[in-house]
Amino acid sequence: QVQLVESGGGSVQAGGSLKLSCAASLDDFSSVYMAWARQLPGEEREFVASVNEDSGNIYTSNSMDGRFTMSRDTAKRTVDLQMNNLKPDDTAVYYCYAKNRAGNIYWGQGTQVTVSS
């Protein structure tokens, strides 16, 4: 059974930083598309960043204004999301998700990030 477990969420003041981590119980982790998404209060989930399973290239949504950086550690089977210069508008539940080559998508339970002004 595939499990994705996020950690690292919490409360921070505007301008602060947080690092989220997602641990994946995937045997073929290095060949799986991994990504982060977030859901702001009252809105639909939006894409944040992803890592290509073949090239390892990382793509980050322009909406993050260069403040977020995703990384992958294939040995540890984790993906991280470093978030800097956080703003109150970044307050959301952040989710890790994975898609394997068969097209199956798996979601973590989400971790809350709250940024106060």
C-alpha atoms as a PDB file:
ATOM      1  CA  GLN A   1       0.000   0.000   0.000  1.00  0.00           C
ATOM      2  CA  VAL A   2       1.370   3.376  -1.019  1.00  0.00           C
ATOM      3  CA  GLN A   3       1.698   5.942   1.735  1.00  0.00           C
ATOM      4  CA  LEU A   4       2.785   9.535   1.541  1.00  0.00           C
ATOM      5  CA  VAL A   5       3.365  11.273   4.849  1.00  0.00           C
ATOM      6  CA  GLU A   6       3.972  14.998   5.021  1.00  0.00           C
ATOM      7  CA  SER A   7       5.629  16.762   7.905  1.00  0.00           C
ATOM      8  CA  GLY A   8       7.051  20.160   8.747  1.00  0.00           C
ATOM      9  CA  GLY A   9       3.946  22.298   8.652  1.00  0.00           C
ATOM     10  CA  GLY A  10       3.144  24.814  11.347  1.00  0.00           C
ATOM     11  CA  SER A  11       2.710  28.467  12.119  1.00  0.00           C
ATOM     12  CA  VAL A  12       5.162  31.168  11.180  1.00  0.00           C
ATOM     13  CA  GLN A  13       5.197  34.918  10.895  1.00  0.00           C
ATOM     14  CA  ALA A  14       5.316  36.649   7.553  1.00  0.00           C
ATOM     15  CA  GLY A  15       8.818  36.657   6.165  1.00  0.00           C
ATOM     16  CA  GLY A  16       9.700  33.414   7.867  1.00  0.00           C
ATOM     17  CA  SER A  17      10.580  30.023   6.412  1.00  0.00           C
ATOM     18  CA  LEU A  18       9.358  26.474   6.684  1.00  0.00           C
ATOM     19  CA  LYS A  19      10.546  23.222   5.187  1.00  0.00           C
ATOM     20  CA  LEU A  20       8.026  20.540   4.400  1.00  0.00           C
ATOM     21  CA  SER A  21       9.002  16.950   3.877  1.00  0.00           C
ATOM     22  CA  CYS A  22       7.149  14.044   2.306  1.00  0.00           C
ATOM     23  CA  ALA A  23       8.178  10.463   2.945  1.00  0.00           C
ATOM     24  CA  ALA A  24       6.978   7.963   0.384  1.00  0.00           C
ATOM     25  CA  SER A  25       6.576   4.234   0.793  1.00  0.00           C
ATOM     26  CA  LEU A  26       7.187   3.505  -2.875  1.00  0.00           C
ATOM     27  CA  ASP A  27       9.445   0.744  -4.115  1.00  0.00           C
ATOM     28  CA  ASP A  28      10.004   2.490  -7.421  1.00  0.00           C
ATOM     29  CA  PHE A  29      10.400   5.972  -5.965  1.00  0.00           C
ATOM     30  CA  SER A  30      12.990   7.087  -8.510  1.00  0.00           C
ATOM     31  CA  SER A  31      10.603   6.392 -11.390  1.00  0.00           C
ATOM     32  CA  VAL A  32       7.590   8.149  -9.903  1.00  0.00           C
ATOM     33  CA  TYR A  33       6.437  11.697 -10.598  1.00  0.00           C
ATOM     34  CA  MET A  34       6.344  13.572  -7.285  1.00  0.00           C
ATOM     35  CA  ALA A  35       4.769  16.937  -6.651  1.00  0.00           C
ATOM     36  CA  TRP A  36       3.446  19.397  -4.127  1.00  0.00           C
ATOM     37  CA  ALA A  37       0.092  21.111  -4.223  1.00  0.00           C
ATOM     38  CA  ARG A  38      -1.727  23.374  -1.808  1.00  0.00           C
ATOM     39  CA  GLN A  39      -5.272  24.267  -0.992  1.00  0.00           C
ATOM     40  CA  LEU A  40      -6.002  27.733   0.264  1.00  0.00           C
ATOM     41  CA  PRO A  41      -9.107  28.228   2.406  1.00  0.00           C
ATOM     42  CA  GLY A  42     -12.220  28.086   0.263  1.00  0.00           C
ATOM     43  CA  GLU A  43     -10.311  27.387  -2.940  1.00  0.00           C
ATOM     44  CA  GLU A  44      -9.390  24.416  -5.074  1.00  0.00           C
ATOM     45  CA  ARG A  45      -6.023  22.748  -4.876  1.00  0.00           C
ATOM     46  CA  GLU A  46      -3.308  24.396  -6.895  1.00  0.00           C
ATOM     47  CA  PHE A  47      -0.022  23.080  -8.209  1.00  0.00           C
ATOM     48  CA  VAL A  48       3.134  24.209  -6.413  1.00  0.00           C
ATOM     49  CA  ALA A  49       6.099  22.212  -7.715  1.00  0.00           C
ATOM     50  CA  SER A  50       7.059  18.869  -9.212  1.00  0.00           C
ATOM     51  CA  VAL A  51      10.024  16.693 -10.052  1.00  0.00           C
ATOM     52  CA  ASN A  52      10.195  14.786 -13.329  1.00  0.00           C
ATOM     53  CA  GLU A  53      10.668  11.094 -12.698  1.00  0.00           C
ATOM     54  CA  ASP A  54      13.034  10.579 -15.643  1.00  0.00           C
ATOM     55  CA  SER A  55      15.164  13.706 -15.791  1.00  0.00           C
ATOM     56  CA  GLY A  56      14.924  14.737 -12.160  1.00  0.00           C
ATOM     57  CA  ASN A  57      14.192  18.256 -13.349  1.00  0.00           C
ATOM     58  CA  ILE A  58      12.188  20.350 -10.965  1.00  0.00           C
ATOM     59  CA  TYR A  59       9.460  22.708 -12.047  1.00  0.00           C
ATOM     60  CA  THR A  60       7.992  25.310  -9.732  1.00  0.00           C
ATOM     61  CA  SER A  61       4.853  27.289 -10.383  1.00  0.00           C
ATOM     62  CA  ASN A  62       5.551  30.920 -11.260  1.00  0.00           C
ATOM     63  CA  SER A  63       2.920  31.842  -8.703  1.00  0.00           C
ATOM     64  CA  MET A  64       5.411  31.011  -5.963  1.00  0.00           C
ATOM     65  CA  ASP A  65       7.576  33.962  -7.085  1.00  0.00           C
ATOM     66  CA  GLY A  66      10.800  32.029  -6.686  1.00  0.00           C
ATOM     67  CA  ARG A  67      10.321  31.668  -2.943  1.00  0.00           C
ATOM     68  CA  PHE A  68       9.736  27.910  -2.934  1.00  0.00           C
ATOM     69  CA  THR A  69      12.271  25.225  -3.784  1.00  0.00           C
ATOM     70  CA  MET A  70      11.519  21.547  -4.195  1.00  0.00           C
ATOM     71  CA  SER A  71      14.125  18.828  -3.848  1.00  0.00           C
ATOM     72  CA  ARG A  72      14.198  15.052  -4.032  1.00  0.00           C
ATOM     73  CA  ASP A  73      16.301  12.501  -2.174  1.00  0.00           C
ATOM     74  CA  THR A  74      15.906   9.167  -3.900  1.00  0.00           C
ATOM     75  CA  ALA A  75      17.944   7.314  -1.276  1.00  0.00           C
ATOM     76  CA  LYS A  76      15.657   8.499   1.508  1.00  0.00           C
ATOM     77  CA  ARG A  77      12.551   8.381  -0.697  1.00  0.00           C
ATOM     78  CA  THR A  78      11.611  11.883   0.297  1.00  0.00           C
ATOM     79  CA  VAL A  79      10.741  15.130  -1.392  1.00  0.00           C
ATOM     80  CA  ASP A  80      11.070  18.436   0.398  1.00  0.00           C
ATOM     81  CA  LEU A  81       9.619  21.865  -0.147  1.00  0.00           C
ATOM     82  CA  GLN A  82      11.652  24.747   1.207  1.00  0.00           C
ATOM     83  CA  MET A  83       9.475  27.815   1.567  1.00  0.00           C
ATOM     84  CA  ASN A  84      11.080  31.187   2.194  1.00  0.00           C
ATOM     85  CA  ASN A  85       9.752  34.685   2.710  1.00  0.00           C
ATOM     86  CA  LEU A  86       6.333  33.303   3.515  1.00  0.00           C
ATOM     87  CA  LYS A  87       3.288  35.518   3.181  1.00  0.00           C
ATOM     88  CA  PRO A  88      -0.149  35.328   4.796  1.00  0.00           C
ATOM     89  CA  ASP A  89      -1.499  34.358   1.349  1.00  0.00           C
ATOM     90  CA  ASP A  90       0.578  31.188   1.580  1.00  0.00           C
ATOM     91  CA  THR A  91      -1.635  29.947   4.386  1.00  0.00           C
ATOM     92  CA  ALA A  92      -2.974  26.624   3.136  1.00  0.00           C
ATOM     93  CA  VAL A  93      -2.930  22.889   3.522  1.00  0.00           C
ATOM     94  CA  TYR A  94       0.041  21.554   1.600  1.00  0.00           C
ATOM     95  CA  TYR A  95      -0.154  18.142  -0.008  1.00  0.00           C
ATOM     96  CA  CYS A  96       2.401  15.797  -1.434  1.00  0.00           C
ATOM     97  CA  TYR A  97       1.270  13.565  -4.281  1.00  0.00           C
ATOM     98  CA  ALA A  98       2.716  10.942  -6.555  1.00  0.00           C
ATOM     99  CA  LYS A  99       1.824   9.494  -9.921  1.00  0.00           C
ATOM    100  CA  ASN A 100       3.311   6.240 -11.101  1.00  0.00           C
ATOM    101  CA  ARG A 101       3.790   5.074 -14.673  1.00  0.00           C
ATOM    102  CA  ALA A 102       0.457   3.283 -14.585  1.00  0.00           C
ATOM    103  CA  GLY A 103      -1.226   6.641 -13.988  1.00  0.00           C
ATOM    104  CA  ASN A 104      -2.258   5.937 -10.417  1.00  0.00           C
ATOM    105  CA  ILE A 105      -2.223   9.030  -8.223  1.00  0.00           C
ATOM    106  CA  TYR A 106      -1.627   8.971  -4.504  1.00  0.00           C
ATOM    107  CA  TRP A 107      -2.080  11.823  -2.059  1.00  0.00           C
ATOM    108  CA  GLY A 108      -0.712  12.477   1.376  1.00  0.00           C
ATOM    109  CA  GLN A 109      -2.940  13.587   4.212  1.00  0.00           C
ATOM    110  CA  GLY A 110      -1.750  17.187   3.992  1.00  0.00           C
ATOM    111  CA  THR A 111       0.005  19.463   6.433  1.00  0.00           C
ATOM    112  CA  GLN A 112      -1.249  22.861   7.553  1.00  0.00           C
ATOM    113  CA  VAL A 113       0.865  25.961   7.037  1.00  0.00           C
ATOM    114  CA  THR A 114      -0.315  29.148   8.690  1.00  0.00           C
ATOM    115  CA  VAL A 115       1.413  32.469   8.083  1.00  0.00           C
ATOM    116  CA  SER A 116       0.495  35.388  10.280  1.00  0.00           C
ATOM    117  CA  SER A 117       1.071  39.032   9.452  1.00  0.00           C
END
